Amino acid sequence: MSLPSDQIPRDAVFLRRLVTALTVVMMGGLIAIAVVIVFRFPDPTPVVPENLPLPAGSTISAVTQGKGWIAIVTDQQQILIFNTGTGKLTQTVEIKTAQ
């Protein structure tokens, strides 16, 4: 049995409005969190120059950049440090892991 809208108890009307308001606030909060994530955490992927001489058969595992240099970690357990101005290899670091 349904009651006409003028016979709905005041508590039920208050509860319905409260649930609607809380739903709107929750949706606004989720949208705000999504916006913060998108604008605060962009994906700044470092650009790797095409002309860097990598050892034959090696692939890049990680890249990091500094002022005037770029370091590339290869799958052959090496860190190759290049000069960004000239593109020449300036240092090679062998990674030794604990046995």
N, C-alpha and C. Protein backbone atom coordinates (compact mmCIF):
# COMPACT_ATOMS: atom_id res chain seq x y z
N MET A 1 0.84 -1.16 0.00
CA MET A 1 0.00 0.00 0.00
C MET A 1 0.89 1.24 0.00
N SER A 2 0.66 2.14 -0.91
CA SER A 2 1.46 3.35 -0.99
C SER A 2 0.66 4.54 -0.49
N LEU A 3 1.38 5.43 0.13
CA LEU A 3 0.75 6.62 0.68
C LEU A 3 0.90 7.77 -0.31
N PRO A 4 -0.08 8.64 -0.41
CA PRO A 4 0.10 9.84 -1.23
C PRO A 4 1.23 10.69 -0.65
N SER A 5 1.82 11.54 -1.47
CA SER A 5 2.99 12.29 -1.03
C SER A 5 2.70 13.20 0.15
N ASP A 6 1.48 13.63 0.32
CA ASP A 6 1.18 14.48 1.46
C ASP A 6 1.04 13.69 2.75
N GLN A 7 1.01 12.34 2.67
CA GLN A 7 0.88 11.52 3.86
C GLN A 7 2.18 10.81 4.24
N ILE A 8 3.28 11.09 3.53
CA ILE A 8 4.56 10.47 3.86
C ILE A 8 5.06 11.09 5.16
N PRO A 9 5.49 10.28 6.11
CA PRO A 9 5.97 10.82 7.38
C PRO A 9 7.14 11.77 7.18
N ARG A 10 7.24 12.77 8.03
CA ARG A 10 8.29 13.78 7.93
C ARG A 10 9.67 13.16 8.04
N ASP A 11 9.80 12.14 8.88
CA ASP A 11 11.10 11.49 9.04
C ASP A 11 11.55 10.82 7.74
N ALA A 12 10.59 10.22 7.03
CA ALA A 12 10.92 9.55 5.76
C ALA A 12 11.33 10.57 4.71
N VAL A 13 10.66 11.71 4.67
CA VAL A 13 11.02 12.76 3.72
C VAL A 13 12.42 13.29 4.03
N PHE A 14 12.70 13.51 5.31
CA PHE A 14 14.03 13.97 5.73
C PHE A 14 15.10 12.96 5.35
N LEU A 15 14.82 11.69 5.59
CA LEU A 15 15.78 10.63 5.28
C LEU A 15 16.03 10.56 3.77
N ARG A 16 14.98 10.70 2.97
CA ARG A 16 15.13 10.65 1.52
C ARG A 16 16.00 11.80 1.04
N ARG A 17 15.77 12.99 1.57
CA ARG A 17 16.57 14.16 1.17
C ARG A 17 18.02 14.02 1.64
N LEU A 18 18.20 13.47 2.82
CA LEU A 18 19.54 13.27 3.35
C LEU A 18 20.33 12.28 2.49
N VAL A 19 19.70 11.19 2.10
CA VAL A 19 20.36 10.20 1.25
C VAL A 19 20.71 10.81 -0.11
N THR A 20 19.80 11.60 -0.67
CA THR A 20 20.07 12.25 -1.95
C THR A 20 21.25 13.23 -1.82
N ALA A 21 21.27 14.01 -0.76
CA ALA A 21 22.36 14.97 -0.56
C ALA A 21 23.69 14.26 -0.37
N LEU A 22 23.70 13.19 0.40
CA LEU A 22 24.95 12.46 0.62
C LEU A 22 25.43 11.79 -0.66
N THR A 23 24.51 11.34 -1.50
CA THR A 23 24.89 10.75 -2.79
C THR A 23 25.57 11.80 -3.67
N VAL A 24 24.99 13.00 -3.71
CA VAL A 24 25.58 14.07 -4.52
C VAL A 24 26.97 14.44 -3.99
N VAL A 25 27.12 14.54 -2.69
CA VAL A 25 28.42 14.87 -2.10
C VAL A 25 29.44 13.78 -2.40
N MET A 26 29.04 12.53 -2.31
CA MET A 26 29.96 11.42 -2.58
C MET A 26 30.40 11.43 -4.05
N MET A 27 29.46 11.67 -4.97
CA MET A 27 29.82 11.72 -6.38
C MET A 27 30.76 12.89 -6.66
N GLY A 28 30.51 14.03 -6.02
CA GLY A 28 31.40 15.18 -6.18
C GLY A 28 32.80 14.89 -5.65
N GLY A 29 32.88 14.18 -4.54
CA GLY A 29 34.18 13.81 -3.99
C GLY A 29 34.95 12.88 -4.90
N LEU A 30 34.26 11.91 -5.47
CA LEU A 30 34.93 10.99 -6.40
C LEU A 30 35.43 11.71 -7.64
N ILE A 31 34.63 12.64 -8.14
CA ILE A 31 35.07 13.42 -9.30
C ILE A 31 36.28 14.28 -8.93
N ALA A 32 36.26 14.87 -7.75
CA ALA A 32 37.40 15.69 -7.31
C ALA A 32 38.66 14.86 -7.18
N ILE A 33 38.55 13.66 -6.64
CA ILE A 33 39.73 12.78 -6.51
C ILE A 33 40.27 12.41 -7.89
N ALA A 34 39.37 12.10 -8.82
CA ALA A 34 39.81 11.75 -10.18
C ALA A 34 40.53 12.93 -10.84
N VAL A 35 40.00 14.13 -10.66
CA VAL A 35 40.64 15.32 -11.25
C VAL A 35 42.02 15.55 -10.64
N VAL A 36 42.14 15.39 -9.34
CA VAL A 36 43.44 15.58 -8.68
C VAL A 36 44.45 14.55 -9.19
N ILE A 37 44.03 13.31 -9.34
CA ILE A 37 44.94 12.27 -9.83
C ILE A 37 45.39 12.58 -11.25
N VAL A 38 44.48 13.01 -12.09
CA VAL A 38 44.83 13.28 -13.49
C VAL A 38 45.78 14.47 -13.60
N PHE A 39 45.53 15.53 -12.85
CA PHE A 39 46.35 16.73 -13.00
C PHE A 39 47.60 16.74 -12.14
N ARG A 40 47.64 16.04 -11.05
CA ARG A 40 48.81 16.04 -10.17
C ARG A 40 49.81 14.95 -10.51
N PHE A 41 49.37 13.87 -11.11
CA PHE A 41 50.26 12.75 -11.39
C PHE A 41 50.30 12.44 -12.89
N PRO A 42 50.77 13.38 -13.71
CA PRO A 42 50.90 13.07 -15.13
C PRO A 42 52.04 12.08 -15.35
N ASP A 43 52.07 11.48 -16.51
CA ASP A 43 53.10 10.49 -16.81
C ASP A 43 54.22 11.16 -17.61
N PRO A 44 55.21 11.74 -16.92
CA PRO A 44 56.30 12.38 -17.65
C PRO A 44 57.32 11.35 -18.12
N THR A 45 57.04 10.72 -19.22
CA THR A 45 57.93 9.70 -19.75
C THR A 45 59.16 10.37 -20.34
N PRO A 46 60.34 10.01 -19.88
CA PRO A 46 61.54 10.63 -20.44
C PRO A 46 61.72 10.22 -21.91
N VAL A 47 62.19 11.17 -22.69
CA VAL A 47 62.41 10.93 -24.11
C VAL A 47 63.82 10.39 -24.29
N VAL A 48 63.91 9.24 -24.91
CA VAL A 48 65.21 8.62 -25.17
C VAL A 48 65.62 8.96 -26.59
N PRO A 49 66.75 9.63 -26.77
CA PRO A 49 67.21 9.93 -28.13
C PRO A 49 67.41 8.65 -28.94
N GLU A 50 67.11 8.74 -30.21
CA GLU A 50 67.19 7.58 -31.09
C GLU A 50 68.62 7.15 -31.39
N ASN A 51 69.57 8.07 -31.33
CA ASN A 51 70.93 7.76 -31.79
C ASN A 51 71.87 7.29 -30.69
N LEU A 52 71.37 6.85 -29.55
CA LEU A 52 72.25 6.36 -28.49
C LEU A 52 72.75 4.96 -28.83
N PRO A 53 74.07 4.75 -28.75
CA PRO A 53 74.63 3.44 -29.10
C PRO A 53 74.48 2.45 -27.95
N LEU A 54 73.50 1.59 -28.03
CA LEU A 54 73.31 0.54 -27.02
C LEU A 54 74.09 -0.70 -27.41
N PRO A 55 74.55 -1.48 -26.45
CA PRO A 55 75.22 -2.74 -26.77
C PRO A 55 74.28 -3.66 -27.56
N ALA A 56 74.87 -4.46 -28.42
CA ALA A 56 74.07 -5.36 -29.26
C ALA A 56 73.28 -6.34 -28.39
N GLY A 57 72.02 -6.49 -28.69
CA GLY A 57 71.18 -7.45 -27.99
C GLY A 57 70.61 -6.97 -26.67
N SER A 58 70.90 -5.74 -26.29
CA SER A 58 70.38 -5.25 -25.01
C SER A 58 69.11 -4.44 -25.24
N THR A 59 68.24 -4.49 -24.25
CA THR A 59 67.03 -3.68 -24.29
C THR A 59 66.99 -2.78 -23.06
N ILE A 60 66.27 -1.70 -23.19
CA ILE A 60 66.19 -0.71 -22.11
C ILE A 60 65.20 -1.18 -21.05
N SER A 61 65.66 -1.18 -19.79
CA SER A 61 64.78 -1.53 -18.66
C SER A 61 64.26 -0.28 -17.96
N ALA A 62 65.11 0.75 -17.85
CA ALA A 62 64.71 1.99 -17.17
C ALA A 62 65.54 3.14 -17.71
N VAL A 63 64.98 4.34 -17.58
CA VAL A 63 65.65 5.54 -18.06
C VAL A 63 65.50 6.62 -16.99
N THR A 64 66.56 7.36 -16.76
CA THR A 64 66.49 8.54 -15.88
C THR A 64 67.34 9.64 -16.48
N GLN A 65 66.92 10.88 -16.23
CA GLN A 65 67.63 12.00 -16.81
C GLN A 65 68.08 12.97 -15.73
N GLY A 66 69.21 13.57 -15.98
CA GLY A 66 69.72 14.64 -15.13
C GLY A 66 70.10 15.80 -16.02
N LYS A 67 70.67 16.83 -15.44
CA LYS A 67 71.07 17.99 -16.22
C LYS A 67 72.34 17.66 -17.00
N GLY A 68 72.20 17.48 -18.29
CA GLY A 68 73.35 17.20 -19.14
C GLY A 68 73.67 15.73 -19.33
N TRP A 69 72.90 14.84 -18.73
CA TRP A 69 73.17 13.40 -18.88
C TRP A 69 71.86 12.62 -18.87
N ILE A 70 71.96 11.42 -19.40
CA ILE A 70 70.84 10.48 -19.39
C ILE A 70 71.41 9.11 -19.04
N ALA A 71 70.77 8.40 -18.13
CA ALA A 71 71.23 7.07 -17.72
C ALA A 71 70.21 6.04 -18.18
N ILE A 72 70.72 4.98 -18.76
CA ILE A 72 69.87 3.90 -19.26
C ILE A 72 70.29 2.61 -18.58
N VAL A 73 69.32 1.95 -17.98
CA VAL A 73 69.56 0.64 -17.37
C VAL A 73 69.15 -0.40 -18.39
N THR A 74 70.05 -1.34 -18.67
CA THR A 74 69.76 -2.37 -19.66
C THR A 74 69.43 -3.69 -18.97
N ASP A 75 68.91 -4.61 -19.75
CA ASP A 75 68.60 -5.94 -19.21
C ASP A 75 69.85 -6.79 -19.02
N GLN A 76 71.01 -6.29 -19.43
CA GLN A 76 72.28 -6.99 -19.24
C GLN A 76 73.00 -6.52 -17.97
N GLN A 77 72.24 -5.95 -17.03
CA GLN A 77 72.77 -5.50 -15.74
C GLN A 77 73.86 -4.45 -15.90
N GLN A 78 73.58 -3.46 -16.72
CA GLN A 78 74.50 -2.34 -16.92
C GLN A 78 73.73 -1.02 -16.81
N ILE A 79 74.42 0.00 -16.33
CA ILE A 79 73.90 1.36 -16.38
C ILE A 79 74.80 2.13 -17.33
N LEU A 80 74.23 2.63 -18.39
CA LEU A 80 74.97 3.38 -19.40
C LEU A 80 74.63 4.86 -19.24
N ILE A 81 75.65 5.69 -19.05
CA ILE A 81 75.43 7.12 -18.85
C ILE A 81 75.95 7.85 -20.09
N PHE A 82 75.04 8.61 -20.71
CA PHE A 82 75.35 9.33 -21.94
C PHE A 82 75.29 10.83 -21.70
N ASN A 83 76.09 11.56 -22.45
CA ASN A 83 76.03 13.02 -22.47
C ASN A 83 74.88 13.40 -23.40
N THR A 84 73.94 14.23 -22.91
CA THR A 84 72.80 14.58 -23.75
C THR A 84 73.17 15.55 -24.87
N GLY A 85 74.23 16.31 -24.68
CA GLY A 85 74.64 17.25 -25.72
C GLY A 85 75.27 16.56 -26.91
N THR A 86 76.15 15.60 -26.63
CA THR A 86 76.87 14.93 -27.71
C THR A 86 76.30 13.56 -28.05
N GLY A 87 75.60 12.94 -27.12
CA GLY A 87 75.08 11.59 -27.34
C GLY A 87 76.12 10.51 -27.14
N LYS A 88 77.30 10.89 -26.64
CA LYS A 88 78.38 9.91 -26.45
C LYS A 88 78.28 9.25 -25.08
N LEU A 89 78.70 8.00 -25.04
CA LEU A 89 78.74 7.24 -23.79
C LEU A 89 79.87 7.77 -22.93
N THR A 90 79.55 8.20 -21.71
CA THR A 90 80.58 8.75 -20.83
C THR A 90 80.98 7.78 -19.72
N GLN A 91 80.07 6.88 -19.35
CA GLN A 91 80.39 5.96 -18.27
C GLN A 91 79.51 4.72 -18.37
N THR A 92 80.10 3.58 -18.01
CA THR A 92 79.36 2.33 -17.92
C THR A 92 79.54 1.77 -16.52
N VAL A 93 78.43 1.42 -15.89
CA VAL A 93 78.48 0.86 -14.54
C VAL A 93 77.91 -0.55 -14.61
N GLU A 94 78.71 -1.52 -14.17
CA GLU A 94 78.24 -2.90 -14.11
C GLU A 94 77.49 -3.11 -12.80
N ILE A 95 76.33 -3.69 -12.87
CA ILE A 95 75.54 -3.95 -11.67
C ILE A 95 75.84 -5.36 -11.19
N LYS A 96 76.31 -5.47 -9.98
CA LYS A 96 76.59 -6.79 -9.40
C LYS A 96 75.56 -7.03 -8.31
N THR A 97 74.85 -8.13 -8.43
CA THR A 97 73.83 -8.46 -7.43
C THR A 97 74.41 -9.45 -6.43
N ALA A 98 73.84 -9.47 -5.26
CA ALA A 98 74.30 -10.41 -4.22
C ALA A 98 73.97 -11.83 -4.65
N GLN A 99 74.87 -12.72 -4.36
CA GLN A 99 74.69 -14.12 -4.76
C GLN A 99 73.88 -14.87 -3.73
